[in-house]
Protein backbone atom coordinates (compact mmCIF):
# COMPACT_ATOMS: atom_id res chain seq x y z
CA MET A 1 0.00 0.00 0.00
CA LYS A 2 1.30 3.46 -0.95
CA VAL A 3 0.86 6.58 1.15
CA SER A 4 0.81 10.29 0.24
CA LYS A 5 2.00 12.81 2.83
CA ILE A 6 2.30 16.57 2.73
CA MET A 7 5.04 17.89 5.00
CA ILE A 8 5.61 21.58 5.71
CA LEU A 9 9.12 22.14 7.04
CA HIS A 10 9.92 25.08 9.30
CA GLY A 11 13.35 26.39 10.30
CA ARG A 12 16.44 27.16 8.23
CA VAL A 13 15.18 25.37 5.13
CA GLN A 14 15.58 27.88 2.29
CA GLY A 15 18.79 29.08 0.67
CA VAL A 16 20.87 26.15 1.95
CA GLY A 17 20.63 23.64 -0.93
CA PHE A 18 17.86 21.82 0.91
CA ARG A 19 15.52 21.16 -2.03
CA TYR A 20 18.29 19.45 -3.98
CA PHE A 21 19.21 17.37 -0.94
CA ILE A 22 15.56 16.35 -0.50
CA GLN A 23 15.18 15.47 -4.18
CA TYR A 24 18.33 13.31 -4.14
CA THR A 25 17.32 11.61 -0.88
CA ALA A 26 13.76 10.94 -2.04
CA LYS A 27 15.06 9.27 -5.19
CA GLU A 28 17.44 7.16 -3.10
CA PHE A 29 14.47 5.89 -1.05
CA GLY A 30 12.23 5.39 -4.11
CA VAL A 31 9.82 8.12 -3.00
CA SER A 32 7.97 10.17 -5.62
CA GLY A 33 6.36 13.61 -5.38
CA TYR A 34 7.88 17.08 -5.19
CA VAL A 35 9.54 19.70 -3.02
CA LYS A 36 9.06 23.47 -3.27
CA ASN A 37 9.83 26.65 -1.38
CA LEU A 38 6.81 28.52 -0.05
CA ASP A 39 6.54 32.30 0.18
CA ASP A 40 6.46 32.24 4.00
CA GLY A 41 9.98 30.74 4.24
CA THR A 42 8.88 27.14 4.71
CA VAL A 43 9.38 24.17 2.38
CA GLU A 44 6.60 21.86 1.22
CA ILE A 45 7.18 18.19 0.41
CA LEU A 46 4.69 15.84 -1.21
CA ALA A 47 6.09 12.39 -0.46
CA GLN A 48 4.49 9.30 -1.99
CA GLY A 49 5.56 5.71 -1.64
CA ASN A 50 5.74 2.79 0.73
CA PRO A 51 5.15 3.87 4.34
CA GLY A 52 8.64 2.83 5.45
CA ASP A 53 10.31 4.73 2.61
CA VAL A 54 8.34 7.91 3.36
CA LYS A 55 9.26 7.55 7.05
CA ASN A 56 12.95 7.14 6.11
CA LEU A 57 12.77 10.29 3.97
CA LYS A 58 11.25 12.21 6.88
CA SER A 59 14.06 11.02 9.18
CA ALA A 60 16.70 12.10 6.65
CA VAL A 61 15.01 15.49 6.23
CA ILE A 62 15.10 16.03 10.00
CA LYS A 63 18.81 15.16 10.07
CA GLY A 64 19.36 17.57 7.15
CA ASN A 65 22.23 18.29 4.82
CA GLY A 66 24.56 19.98 7.31
CA PHE A 67 23.35 23.48 6.42
CA SER A 68 19.63 23.13 7.10
CA LYS A 69 17.91 23.08 10.50
CA VAL A 70 14.35 21.74 10.65
CA THR A 71 12.60 23.02 13.77
CA ARG A 72 9.08 21.73 13.07
CA ILE A 73 7.23 19.54 10.56
CA ASP A 74 3.49 19.87 9.98
CA GLU A 75 2.41 16.59 8.36
CA SER A 76 -0.87 15.33 6.95
CA SER A 77 -2.02 12.42 4.81
CA ILE A 78 -3.74 13.33 1.57
CA GLU A 79 -5.54 11.67 -1.31
CA THR A 80 -3.97 12.61 -4.63
CA ARG A 81 -2.78 11.08 -7.86
CA MET A 82 0.52 9.24 -7.63
CA HIS A 83 3.58 10.89 -9.17
CA SER A 84 6.11 8.84 -11.11
CA ASP A 85 9.21 10.86 -10.15
CA PHE A 86 10.41 13.33 -7.52
CA LYS A 87 10.78 16.90 -8.77
CA ILE A 88 11.70 20.34 -7.54
CA LYS A 89 8.85 22.78 -8.16
CA TYR A 90 9.52 26.47 -8.63
């Protein structure tokens, strides 16, 4: 069974190469969806895949890329069409 989660990341998450890190990590875990910067300084992730893979992505996002600092994640499950790849949205 596949899951779809929206995660809104708060903290130092823009301007630190975070979207590229998330895209690379999502592909490593076989997670599809997207990542994008939001106007309020947060980052939105749509993560779709096996529950364990989505959980692993979330753990990696919390750990970060050495430059980012996630202070809070607002997460919700959603119903949406499944994506075939993981992209950066602008």
